[in-house]
């Protein structure tokens, strides 16, 4: 799959590349994230003042420094990378009037 993305890169317009990067990030998360002891993740770089998602593989960490591997080659040495501080994921509200599916329910939390 990575080979196909590499072949596409030279023919895509800038906005298409941005969408492709976001798609690849979502695809990596959908596989469960594990690959050779590394976990898939996303960092952002600034392009024209806007954050652009870049899929990465997250490796070893000591809590202060973390290894990241950018297989797309988007992140250049010395580039400023945004790793957090963005919006929190939204929790989907459930309607208490509809019956829930199967599974465990925890009430009062």
PDB file of N, CA and C in Angstrom:
ATOM      1  N   UNK A   1       0.832  -1.189   0.000  1.00  0.00           N
ATOM      2  CA  UNK A   1       0.000   0.000   0.000  1.00  0.00           C
ATOM      3  C   UNK A   1       0.879   1.257   0.000  1.00  0.00           C
ATOM      4  N   UNK A   2       1.993   1.251   0.786  1.00  0.00           N
ATOM      5  CA  UNK A   2       2.868   2.418   0.833  1.00  0.00           C
ATOM      6  C   UNK A   2       3.438   2.741  -0.538  1.00  0.00           C
ATOM      7  N   UNK A   3       3.733   1.712  -1.316  1.00  0.00           N
ATOM      8  CA  UNK A   3       4.291   1.924  -2.654  1.00  0.00           C
ATOM      9  C   UNK A   3       3.318   2.710  -3.533  1.00  0.00           C
ATOM     10  N   UNK A   4       2.040   2.418  -3.411  1.00  0.00           N
ATOM     11  CA  UNK A   4       1.026   3.134  -4.196  1.00  0.00           C
ATOM     12  C   UNK A   4       0.993   4.606  -3.819  1.00  0.00           C
ATOM     13  N   UNK A   5       1.106   4.895  -2.520  1.00  0.00           N
ATOM     14  CA  UNK A   5       1.091   6.286  -2.076  1.00  0.00           C
ATOM     15  C   UNK A   5       2.321   7.036  -2.590  1.00  0.00           C
ATOM     16  N   UNK A   6       3.463   6.367  -2.611  1.00  0.00           N
ATOM     17  CA  UNK A   6       4.694   6.992  -3.108  1.00  0.00           C
ATOM     18  C   UNK A   6       4.547   7.340  -4.585  1.00  0.00           C
ATOM     19  N   UNK A   7       3.910   6.473  -5.355  1.00  0.00           N
ATOM     20  CA  UNK A   7       3.719   6.734  -6.783  1.00  0.00           C
ATOM     21  C   UNK A   7       2.742   7.880  -7.021  1.00  0.00           C
ATOM     22  N   UNK A   8       1.760   8.024  -6.141  1.00  0.00           N
ATOM     23  CA  UNK A   8       0.771   9.091  -6.292  1.00  0.00           C
ATOM     24  C   UNK A   8       1.337  10.474  -5.965  1.00  0.00           C
ATOM     25  N   UNK A   9       2.248  10.532  -5.011  1.00  0.00           N
ATOM     26  CA  UNK A   9       2.717  11.810  -4.479  1.00  0.00           C
ATOM     27  C   UNK A   9       3.131  12.831  -5.540  1.00  0.00           C
ATOM     28  N   UNK A  10       3.939  12.479  -6.543  1.00  0.00           N
ATOM     29  CA  UNK A  10       4.385  13.487  -7.511  1.00  0.00           C
ATOM     30  C   UNK A  10       3.271  14.075  -8.383  1.00  0.00           C
ATOM     31  N   UNK A  11       2.158  13.370  -8.534  1.00  0.00           N
ATOM     32  CA  UNK A  11       1.116  13.854  -9.440  1.00  0.00           C
ATOM     33  C   UNK A  11      -0.034  14.563  -8.722  1.00  0.00           C
ATOM     34  N   UNK A  12       0.000  14.571  -7.394  1.00  0.00           N
ATOM     35  CA  UNK A  12      -1.090  15.193  -6.640  1.00  0.00           C
ATOM     36  C   UNK A  12      -0.855  16.680  -6.431  1.00  0.00           C
ATOM     37  N   UNK A  13      -1.941  17.431  -6.385  1.00  0.00           N
ATOM     38  CA  UNK A  13      -1.883  18.849  -6.037  1.00  0.00           C
ATOM     39  C   UNK A  13      -1.743  18.958  -4.524  1.00  0.00           C
ATOM     40  N   UNK A  14      -1.366  20.141  -4.039  1.00  0.00           N
ATOM     41  CA  UNK A  14      -1.121  20.351  -2.617  1.00  0.00           C
ATOM     42  C   UNK A  14      -2.316  19.967  -1.749  1.00  0.00           C
ATOM     43  N   UNK A  15      -3.525  20.399  -2.141  1.00  0.00           N
ATOM     44  CA  UNK A  15      -4.699  20.083  -1.321  1.00  0.00           C
ATOM     45  C   UNK A  15      -5.002  18.586  -1.358  1.00  0.00           C
ATOM     46  N   UNK A  16      -4.703  17.925  -2.468  1.00  0.00           N
ATOM     47  CA  UNK A  16      -4.911  16.480  -2.558  1.00  0.00           C
ATOM     48  C   UNK A  16      -3.916  15.735  -1.667  1.00  0.00           C
ATOM     49  N   UNK A  17      -2.675  16.246  -1.606  1.00  0.00           N
ATOM     50  CA  UNK A  17      -1.673  15.628  -0.737  1.00  0.00           C
ATOM     51  C   UNK A  17      -2.102  15.722   0.718  1.00  0.00           C
ATOM     52  N   UNK A  18      -2.661  16.875   1.101  1.00  0.00           N
ATOM     53  CA  UNK A  18      -3.139  17.061   2.469  1.00  0.00           C
ATOM     54  C   UNK A  18      -4.220  16.038   2.800  1.00  0.00           C
ATOM     55  N   UNK A  19      -5.146  15.839   1.883  1.00  0.00           N
ATOM     56  CA  UNK A  19      -6.221  14.862   2.101  1.00  0.00           C
ATOM     57  C   UNK A  19      -5.665  13.440   2.158  1.00  0.00           C
ATOM     58  N   UNK A  20      -4.673  13.149   1.332  1.00  0.00           N
ATOM     59  CA  UNK A  20      -4.070  11.825   1.324  1.00  0.00           C
ATOM     60  C   UNK A  20      -3.361  11.545   2.649  1.00  0.00           C
ATOM     61  N   UNK A  21      -2.664  12.536   3.177  1.00  0.00           N
ATOM     62  CA  UNK A  21      -1.987  12.374   4.463  1.00  0.00           C
ATOM     63  C   UNK A  21      -3.004  12.063   5.557  1.00  0.00           C
ATOM     64  N   UNK A  22      -4.110  12.801   5.570  1.00  0.00           N
ATOM     65  CA  UNK A  22      -5.151  12.559   6.573  1.00  0.00           C
ATOM     66  C   UNK A  22      -5.746  11.159   6.407  1.00  0.00           C
ATOM     67  N   UNK A  23      -5.957  10.739   5.178  1.00  0.00           N
ATOM     68  CA  UNK A  23      -6.494   9.405   4.907  1.00  0.00           C
ATOM     69  C   UNK A  23      -5.538   8.328   5.404  1.00  0.00           C
ATOM     70  N   UNK A  24      -4.261   8.506   5.115  1.00  0.00           N
ATOM     71  CA  UNK A  24      -3.269   7.524   5.567  1.00  0.00           C
ATOM     72  C   UNK A  24      -3.227   7.452   7.079  1.00  0.00           C
ATOM     73  N   UNK A  25      -3.385   8.599   7.748  1.00  0.00           N
ATOM     74  CA  UNK A  25      -3.396   8.611   9.215  1.00  0.00           C
ATOM     75  C   UNK A  25      -4.574   7.807   9.734  1.00  0.00           C
ATOM     76  N   UNK A  26      -5.746   8.004   9.133  1.00  0.00           N
ATOM     77  CA  UNK A  26      -6.936   7.250   9.563  1.00  0.00           C
ATOM     78  C   UNK A  26      -6.764   5.764   9.282  1.00  0.00           C
ATOM     79  N   UNK A  27      -6.167   5.427   8.165  1.00  0.00           N
ATOM     80  CA  UNK A  27      -5.963   4.019   7.824  1.00  0.00           C
ATOM     81  C   UNK A  27      -5.039   3.357   8.836  1.00  0.00           C
ATOM     82  N   UNK A  28      -3.999   4.058   9.230  1.00  0.00           N
ATOM     83  CA  UNK A  28      -3.068   3.511  10.215  1.00  0.00           C
ATOM     84  C   UNK A  28      -3.732   3.266  11.546  1.00  0.00           C
ATOM     85  N   UNK A  29      -4.625   4.143  11.953  1.00  0.00           N
ATOM     86  CA  UNK A  29      -5.321   3.969  13.218  1.00  0.00           C
ATOM     87  C   UNK A  29      -6.288   2.807  13.134  1.00  0.00           C
ATOM     88  N   UNK A  30      -6.855   2.557  11.972  1.00  0.00           N
ATOM     89  CA  UNK A  30      -7.823   1.490  11.813  1.00  0.00           C
ATOM     90  C   UNK A  30      -7.213   0.097  11.858  1.00  0.00           C
ATOM     91  N   UNK A  31      -5.915  -0.015  11.671  1.00  0.00           N
ATOM     92  CA  UNK A  31      -5.265  -1.325  11.698  1.00  0.00           C
ATOM     93  C   UNK A  31      -4.911  -1.751  13.110  1.00  0.00           C
ATOM     94  N   UNK A  32      -5.262  -0.951  14.088  1.00  0.00           N
ATOM     95  CA  UNK A  32      -4.900  -1.301  15.447  1.00  0.00           C
ATOM     96  C   UNK A  32      -3.595  -0.671  15.861  1.00  0.00           C
ATOM     97  N   UNK A  33      -2.901  -0.080  14.920  1.00  0.00           N
ATOM     98  CA  UNK A  33      -1.753   0.729  15.258  1.00  0.00           C
ATOM     99  C   UNK A  33      -0.443   0.008  15.474  1.00  0.00           C
ATOM    100  N   UNK A  34      -0.401  -1.296  15.620  1.00  0.00           N
ATOM    101  CA  UNK A  34       0.847  -1.970  15.942  1.00  0.00           C
ATOM    102  C   UNK A  34       1.579  -2.379  14.673  1.00  0.00           C
ATOM    103  N   UNK A  35       2.859  -2.087  14.636  1.00  0.00           N
ATOM    104  CA  UNK A  35       3.677  -2.500  13.498  1.00  0.00           C
ATOM    105  C   UNK A  35       5.123  -2.548  13.974  1.00  0.00           C
ATOM    106  N   UNK A  36       5.636  -3.757  14.171  1.00  0.00           N
ATOM    107  CA  UNK A  36       7.035  -3.907  14.536  1.00  0.00           C
ATOM    108  C   UNK A  36       7.416  -3.205  15.820  1.00  0.00           C
ATOM    109  N   UNK A  37       6.589  -3.247  16.847  1.00  0.00           N
ATOM    110  CA  UNK A  37       6.893  -2.606  18.109  1.00  0.00           C
ATOM    111  C   UNK A  37       6.620  -1.117  18.113  1.00  0.00           C
ATOM    112  N   UNK A  38       6.185  -0.582  17.019  1.00  0.00           N
ATOM    113  CA  UNK A  38       5.862   0.838  16.946  1.00  0.00           C
ATOM    114  C   UNK A  38       4.354   0.993  16.844  1.00  0.00           C
ATOM    115  N   UNK A  39       3.872   2.170  17.205  1.00  0.00           N
ATOM    116  CA  UNK A  39       2.448   2.473  17.167  1.00  0.00           C
ATOM    117  C   UNK A  39       2.214   3.584  16.162  1.00  0.00           C
ATOM    118  N   UNK A  40       1.118   3.511  15.420  1.00  0.00           N
ATOM    119  CA  UNK A  40       0.826   4.587  14.476  1.00  0.00           C
ATOM    120  C   UNK A  40       0.302   5.796  15.234  1.00  0.00           C
ATOM    121  N   UNK A  41       0.582   6.957  14.696  1.00  0.00           N
ATOM    122  CA  UNK A  41       0.125   8.197  15.307  1.00  0.00           C
ATOM    123  C   UNK A  41       0.103   9.304  14.271  1.00  0.00           C
ATOM    124  N   UNK A  42      -0.229  10.482  14.729  1.00  0.00           N
ATOM    125  CA  UNK A  42      -0.281  11.646  13.850  1.00  0.00           C
ATOM    126  C   UNK A  42       0.362  12.821  14.572  1.00  0.00           C
ATOM    127  N   UNK A  43       1.231  13.531  13.878  1.00  0.00           N
ATOM    128  CA  UNK A  43       1.739  14.815  14.340  1.00  0.00           C
ATOM    129  C   UNK A  43       1.357  15.835  13.273  1.00  0.00           C
ATOM    130  N   UNK A  44       1.558  17.095  13.566  1.00  0.00           N
ATOM    131  CA  UNK A  44       1.190  18.152  12.621  1.00  0.00           C
ATOM    132  C   UNK A  44       2.393  19.041  12.376  1.00  0.00           C
ATOM    133  N   UNK A  45       2.522  19.504  11.136  1.00  0.00           N
ATOM    134  CA  UNK A  45       3.512  20.519  10.800  1.00  0.00           C
ATOM    135  C   UNK A  45       2.751  21.728  10.282  1.00  0.00           C
ATOM    136  N   UNK A  46       3.383  22.890  10.344  1.00  0.00           N
ATOM    137  CA  UNK A  46       2.734  24.096   9.829  1.00  0.00           C
ATOM    138  C   UNK A  46       3.110  24.302   8.374  1.00  0.00           C
ATOM    139  N   UNK A  47       2.089  24.494   7.543  1.00  0.00           N
ATOM    140  CA  UNK A  47       2.302  24.813   6.132  1.00  0.00           C
ATOM    141  C   UNK A  47       1.393  25.985   5.817  1.00  0.00           C
ATOM    142  N   UNK A  48       1.988  27.092   5.406  1.00  0.00           N
ATOM    143  CA  UNK A  48       1.237  28.316   5.130  1.00  0.00           C
ATOM    144  C   UNK A  48       0.406  28.729   6.342  1.00  0.00           C
ATOM    145  N   UNK A  49       0.971  28.521   7.537  1.00  0.00           N
ATOM    146  CA  UNK A  49       0.303  28.934   8.771  1.00  0.00           C
ATOM    147  C   UNK A  49      -0.808  28.013   9.236  1.00  0.00           C
ATOM    148  N   UNK A  50      -0.993  26.881   8.552  1.00  0.00           N
ATOM    149  CA  UNK A  50      -2.062  25.947   8.925  1.00  0.00           C
ATOM    150  C   UNK A  50      -1.456  24.601   9.315  1.00  0.00           C
ATOM    151  N   UNK A  51      -2.015  23.957  10.351  1.00  0.00           N
ATOM    152  CA  UNK A  51      -1.498  22.636  10.728  1.00  0.00           C
ATOM    153  C   UNK A  51      -1.902  21.573   9.706  1.00  0.00           C
ATOM    154  N   UNK A  52      -0.937  20.791   9.288  1.00  0.00           N
ATOM    155  CA  UNK A  52      -1.150  19.725   8.312  1.00  0.00           C
ATOM    156  C   UNK A  52      -0.844  18.392   9.011  1.00  0.00           C
ATOM    157  N   UNK A  53      -1.781  17.418   8.990  1.00  0.00           N
ATOM    158  CA  UNK A  53      -1.514  16.136   9.648  1.00  0.00           C
ATOM    159  C   UNK A  53      -0.485  15.311   8.877  1.00  0.00           C
ATOM    160  N   UNK A  54       0.405  14.682   9.623  1.00  0.00           N
ATOM    161  CA  UNK A  54       1.411  13.805   9.037  1.00  0.00           C
ATOM    162  C   UNK A  54       1.368  12.479   9.802  1.00  0.00           C
ATOM    163  N   UNK A  55       1.048  11.373   9.125  1.00  0.00           N
ATOM    164  CA  UNK A  55       1.052  10.082   9.818  1.00  0.00           C
ATOM    165  C   UNK A  55       2.486   9.677  10.139  1.00  0.00           C
ATOM    166  N   UNK A  56       2.695   9.186  11.341  1.00  0.00           N
ATOM    167  CA  UNK A  56       4.020   8.762  11.777  1.00  0.00           C
ATOM    168  C   UNK A  56       3.894   7.441  12.522  1.00  0.00           C
ATOM    169  N   UNK A  57       5.015   6.803  12.709  1.00  0.00           N
ATOM    170  CA  UNK A  57       5.108   5.644  13.585  1.00  0.00           C
ATOM    171  C   UNK A  57       5.822   6.130  14.840  1.00  0.00           C
ATOM    172  N   UNK A  58       5.250   5.820  15.996  1.00  0.00           N
ATOM    173  CA  UNK A  58       5.795   6.262  17.278  1.00  0.00           C
ATOM    174  C   UNK A  58       6.557   5.097  17.884  1.00  0.00           C
ATOM    175  N   UNK A  59       7.813   5.359  18.250  1.00  0.00           N
ATOM    176  CA  UNK A  59       8.661   4.298  18.786  1.00  0.00           C
ATOM    177  C   UNK A  59       8.989   4.496  20.245  1.00  0.00           C
ATOM    178  N   UNK A  60      10.242   4.293  20.562  1.00  0.00           N
ATOM    179  CA  UNK A  60      10.715   4.328  21.943  1.00  0.00           C
ATOM    180  C   UNK A  60      10.553   5.713  22.552  1.00  0.00           C
ATOM    181  N   UNK A  61      10.263   5.737  23.847  1.00  0.00           N
ATOM    182  CA  UNK A  61      10.139   6.998  24.571  1.00  0.00           C
ATOM    183  C   UNK A  61      10.677   6.835  25.982  1.00  0.00           C
ATOM    184  N   UNK A  62      11.175   7.927  26.531  1.00  0.00           N
ATOM    185  CA  UNK A  62      11.572   7.924  27.939  1.00  0.00           C
ATOM    186  C   UNK A  62      10.658   8.837  28.750  1.00  0.00           C
ATOM    187  N   UNK A  63       9.565   9.275  28.152  1.00  0.00           N
ATOM    188  CA  UNK A  63       8.633  10.174  28.825  1.00  0.00           C
ATOM    189  C   UNK A  63       8.901  11.635  28.499  1.00  0.00           C
ATOM    190  N   UNK A  64      10.124  11.944  28.082  1.00  0.00           N
ATOM    191  CA  UNK A  64      10.477  13.309  27.694  1.00  0.00           C
ATOM    192  C   UNK A  64      10.755  13.410  26.200  1.00  0.00           C
ATOM    193  N   UNK A  65      11.389  12.396  25.659  1.00  0.00           N
ATOM    194  CA  UNK A  65      11.726  12.355  24.243  1.00  0.00           C
ATOM    195  C   UNK A  65      11.107  11.101  23.632  1.00  0.00           C
ATOM    196  N   UNK A  66      10.581  11.242  22.422  1.00  0.00           N
ATOM    197  CA  UNK A  66       9.920  10.124  21.753  1.00  0.00           C
ATOM    198  C   UNK A  66      10.419  10.015  20.323  1.00  0.00           C
ATOM    199  N   UNK A  67      10.752   8.807  19.926  1.00  0.00           N
ATOM    200  CA  UNK A  67      11.166   8.539  18.551  1.00  0.00           C
ATOM    201  C   UNK A  67       9.935   8.552  17.649  1.00  0.00           C
ATOM    202  N   UNK A  68      10.007   9.290  16.532  1.00  0.00           N
ATOM    203  CA  UNK A  68       8.954   9.217  15.521  1.00  0.00           C
ATOM    204  C   UNK A  68       9.600   8.924  14.172  1.00  0.00           C
ATOM    205  N   UNK A  69       8.905   8.135  13.362  1.00  0.00           N
ATOM    206  CA  UNK A  69       9.392   7.790  12.028  1.00  0.00           C
ATOM    207  C   UNK A  69       8.361   8.278  11.026  1.00  0.00           C
ATOM    208  N   UNK A  70       8.803   9.166  10.144  1.00  0.00           N
ATOM    209  CA  UNK A  70       7.944   9.716   9.092  1.00  0.00           C
ATOM    210  C   UNK A  70       8.307   9.026   7.785  1.00  0.00           C
ATOM    211  N   UNK A  71       7.586   7.988   7.444  1.00  0.00           N
ATOM    212  CA  UNK A  71       7.890   7.227   6.230  1.00  0.00           C
ATOM    213  C   UNK A  71       7.526   7.979   4.960  1.00  0.00           C
ATOM    214  N   UNK A  72       6.697   9.021   5.076  1.00  0.00           N
ATOM    215  CA  UNK A  72       6.298   9.783   3.888  1.00  0.00           C
ATOM    216  C   UNK A  72       7.368  10.788   3.471  1.00  0.00           C
ATOM    217  N   UNK A  73       8.295  11.105   4.378  1.00  0.00           N
ATOM    218  CA  UNK A  73       9.326  12.093   4.076  1.00  0.00           C
ATOM    219  C   UNK A  73       8.833  13.526   4.135  1.00  0.00           C
ATOM    220  N   UNK A  74       7.650  13.742   4.707  1.00  0.00           N
ATOM    221  CA  UNK A  74       7.056  15.078   4.780  1.00  0.00           C
ATOM    222  C   UNK A  74       7.786  15.972   5.773  1.00  0.00           C
ATOM    223  N   UNK A  75       8.202  15.397   6.896  1.00  0.00           N
ATOM    224  CA  UNK A  75       8.850  16.180   7.956  1.00  0.00           C
ATOM    225  C   UNK A  75      10.339  16.277   7.651  1.00  0.00           C
ATOM    226  N   UNK A  76      10.821  17.503   7.532  1.00  0.00           N
ATOM    227  CA  UNK A  76      12.237  17.731   7.256  1.00  0.00           C
ATOM    228  C   UNK A  76      12.974  17.972   8.570  1.00  0.00           C
ATOM    229  N   UNK A  77      14.261  17.660   8.591  1.00  0.00           N
ATOM    230  CA  UNK A  77      15.065  17.858   9.788  1.00  0.00           C
ATOM    231  C   UNK A  77      14.985  19.313  10.245  1.00  0.00           C
ATOM    232  N   UNK A  78      14.766  19.502  11.537  1.00  0.00           N
ATOM    233  CA  UNK A  78      14.678  20.844  12.108  1.00  0.00           C
ATOM    234  C   UNK A  78      13.296  21.462  12.038  1.00  0.00           C
ATOM    235  N   UNK A  79      12.338  20.771  11.422  1.00  0.00           N
ATOM    236  CA  UNK A  79      10.971  21.305  11.298  1.00  0.00           C
ATOM    237  C   UNK A  79      10.295  21.355  12.663  1.00  0.00           C
ATOM    238  N   UNK A  80       9.476  22.386  12.868  1.00  0.00           N
ATOM    239  CA  UNK A  80       8.666  22.470  14.082  1.00  0.00           C
ATOM    240  C   UNK A  80       7.505  21.492  13.934  1.00  0.00           C
ATOM    241  N   UNK A  81       7.300  20.676  14.948  1.00  0.00           N
ATOM    242  CA  UNK A  81       6.263  19.647  14.911  1.00  0.00           C
ATOM    243  C   UNK A  81       5.292  19.876  16.058  1.00  0.00           C
ATOM    244  N   UNK A  82       4.002  19.865  15.750  1.00  0.00           N
ATOM    245  CA  UNK A  82       2.958  20.006  16.766  1.00  0.00           C
ATOM    246  C   UNK A  82       2.544  18.593  17.163  1.00  0.00           C
ATOM    247  N   UNK A  83       2.659  18.287  18.450  1.00  0.00           N
ATOM    248  CA  UNK A  83       2.363  16.929  18.904  1.00  0.00           C
ATOM    249  C   UNK A  83       1.158  16.845  19.820  1.00  0.00           C
ATOM    250  N   UNK A  84       0.597  17.947  20.230  1.00  0.00           N
ATOM    251  CA  UNK A  84      -0.542  17.892  21.150  1.00  0.00           C
ATOM    252  C   UNK A  84      -1.157  19.256  21.314  1.00  0.00           C
ATOM    253  N   UNK A  85      -2.111  19.336  22.225  1.00  0.00           N
ATOM    254  CA  UNK A  85      -2.751  20.607  22.511  1.00  0.00           C
ATOM    255  C   UNK A  85      -3.921  20.924  21.615  1.00  0.00           C
ATOM    256  N   UNK A  86      -4.260  20.000  20.734  1.00  0.00           N
ATOM    257  CA  UNK A  86      -5.388  20.216  19.832  1.00  0.00           C
ATOM    258  C   UNK A  86      -6.707  19.919  20.508  1.00  0.00           C
ATOM    259  N   UNK A  87      -7.774  19.957  19.743  1.00  0.00           N
ATOM    260  CA  UNK A  87      -9.097  19.692  20.313  1.00  0.00           C
ATOM    261  C   UNK A  87      -9.208  18.250  20.789  1.00  0.00           C
ATOM    262  N   UNK A  88      -9.947  18.062  21.858  1.00  0.00           N
ATOM    263  CA  UNK A  88     -10.196  16.726  22.392  1.00  0.00           C
ATOM    264  C   UNK A  88     -11.228  16.023  21.526  1.00  0.00           C
ATOM    265  N   UNK A  89     -11.137  14.721  21.467  1.00  0.00           N
ATOM    266  CA  UNK A  89     -12.119  13.944  20.712  1.00  0.00           C
ATOM    267  C   UNK A  89     -13.490  14.119  21.346  1.00  0.00           C
ATOM    268  N   UNK A  90     -14.496  14.264  20.506  1.00  0.00           N
ATOM    269  CA  UNK A  90     -15.857  14.441  21.004  1.00  0.00           C
ATOM    270  C   UNK A  90     -16.438  13.092  21.393  1.00  0.00           C
ATOM    271  N   UNK A  91     -17.125  13.080  22.528  1.00  0.00           N
ATOM    272  CA  UNK A  91     -17.809  11.874  22.968  1.00  0.00           C
ATOM    273  C   UNK A  91     -19.221  11.942  22.423  1.00  0.00           C
ATOM    274  N   UNK A  92     -19.619  10.900  21.771  1.00  0.00           N
ATOM    275  CA  UNK A  92     -20.940  10.888  21.160  1.00  0.00           C
ATOM    276  C   UNK A  92     -21.989  10.725  22.251  1.00  0.00           C
ATOM    277  N   UNK A  93     -22.958  11.650  22.276  1.00  0.00           N
ATOM    278  CA  UNK A  93     -24.026  11.599  23.269  1.00  0.00           C
ATOM    279  C   UNK A  93     -24.980  10.459  22.942  1.00  0.00           C
ATOM    280  N   UNK A  94     -25.473   9.815  23.988  1.00  0.00           N
ATOM    281  CA  UNK A  94     -26.435   8.736  23.803  1.00  0.00           C
ATOM    282  C   UNK A  94     -27.796   9.215  24.264  1.00  0.00           C
ATOM    283  N   UNK A  95     -28.801   8.781  23.601  1.00  0.00           N
ATOM    284  CA  UNK A  95     -30.165   9.130  23.959  1.00  0.00           C
ATOM    285  C   UNK A  95     -30.654   8.129  25.001  1.00  0.00           C
ATOM    286  N   UNK A  96     -30.946   8.587  26.242  1.00  0.00           N
ATOM    287  CA  UNK A  96     -31.375   7.661  27.287  1.00  0.00           C
ATOM    288  C   UNK A  96     -32.748   7.054  27.015  1.00  0.00           C
ATOM    289  N   UNK A  97     -33.496   7.618  26.061  1.00  0.00           N
ATOM    290  CA  UNK A  97     -34.838   7.117  25.769  1.00  0.00           C
ATOM    291  C   UNK A  97     -34.817   5.916  24.823  1.00  0.00           C
ATOM    292  N   UNK A  98     -33.709   5.714  24.154  1.00  0.00           N
ATOM    293  CA  UNK A  98     -33.635   4.568  23.251  1.00  0.00           C
ATOM    294  C   UNK A  98     -32.985   3.421  23.997  1.00  0.00           C
ATOM    295  N   UNK A  99     -33.381   2.245  23.635  1.00  0.00           N
ATOM    296  CA  UNK A  99     -32.778   1.078  24.273  1.00  0.00           C
ATOM    297  C   UNK A  99     -31.353   0.920  23.800  1.00  0.00           C
ATOM    298  N   UNK A 100     -30.506   0.529  24.688  1.00  0.00           N
ATOM    299  CA  UNK A 100     -29.125   0.303  24.304  1.00  0.00           C
ATOM    300  C   UNK A 100     -28.980  -1.063  23.693  1.00  0.00           C
ATOM    301  N   UNK A 101     -27.893  -1.280  23.071  1.00  0.00           N
ATOM    302  CA  UNK A 101     -27.612  -2.602  22.542  1.00  0.00           C
ATOM    303  C   UNK A 101     -27.177  -3.495  23.685  1.00  0.00           C
ATOM    304  N   UNK A 102     -26.615  -4.610  23.355  1.00  0.00           N
ATOM    305  CA  UNK A 102     -26.101  -5.489  24.394  1.00  0.00           C
ATOM    306  C   UNK A 102     -24.876  -4.878  25.031  1.00  0.00           C
ATOM    307  N   UNK A 103     -24.279  -5.579  25.930  1.00  0.00           N
ATOM    308  CA  UNK A 103     -23.055  -5.102  26.538  1.00  0.00           C
ATOM    309  C   UNK A 103     -23.267  -4.595  27.945  1.00  0.00           C
ATOM    310  N   UNK A 104     -22.203  -4.157  28.560  1.00  0.00           N
ATOM    311  CA  UNK A 104     -22.216  -3.709  29.945  1.00  0.00           C
ATOM    312  C   UNK A 104     -22.677  -2.271  30.019  1.00  0.00           C
ATOM    313  N   UNK A 105     -23.507  -1.965  30.987  1.00  0.00           N
ATOM    314  CA  UNK A 105     -23.926  -0.585  31.241  1.00  0.00           C
ATOM    315  C   UNK A 105     -23.436  -0.185  32.622  1.00  0.00           C
ATOM    316  N   UNK A 106     -22.864   0.980  32.722  1.00  0.00           N
ATOM    317  CA  UNK A 106     -22.443   1.515  34.008  1.00  0.00           C
ATOM    318  C   UNK A 106     -23.250   2.766  34.238  1.00  0.00           C
ATOM    319  N   UNK A 107     -23.978   2.803  35.314  1.00  0.00           N
ATOM    320  CA  UNK A 107     -24.828   3.957  35.603  1.00  0.00           C
ATOM    321  C   UNK A 107     -24.254   4.720  36.785  1.00  0.00           C
ATOM    322  N   UNK A 108     -24.572   6.008  36.804  1.00  0.00           N
ATOM    323  CA  UNK A 108     -24.189   6.837  37.943  1.00  0.00           C
ATOM    324  C   UNK A 108     -22.793   7.403  37.871  1.00  0.00           C
ATOM    325  N   UNK A 109     -22.146   7.256  36.751  1.00  0.00           N
ATOM    326  CA  UNK A 109     -20.806   7.837  36.604  1.00  0.00           C
ATOM    327  C   UNK A 109     -20.869   9.125  35.863  1.00  0.00           C
TER     328      UNK A 109
END
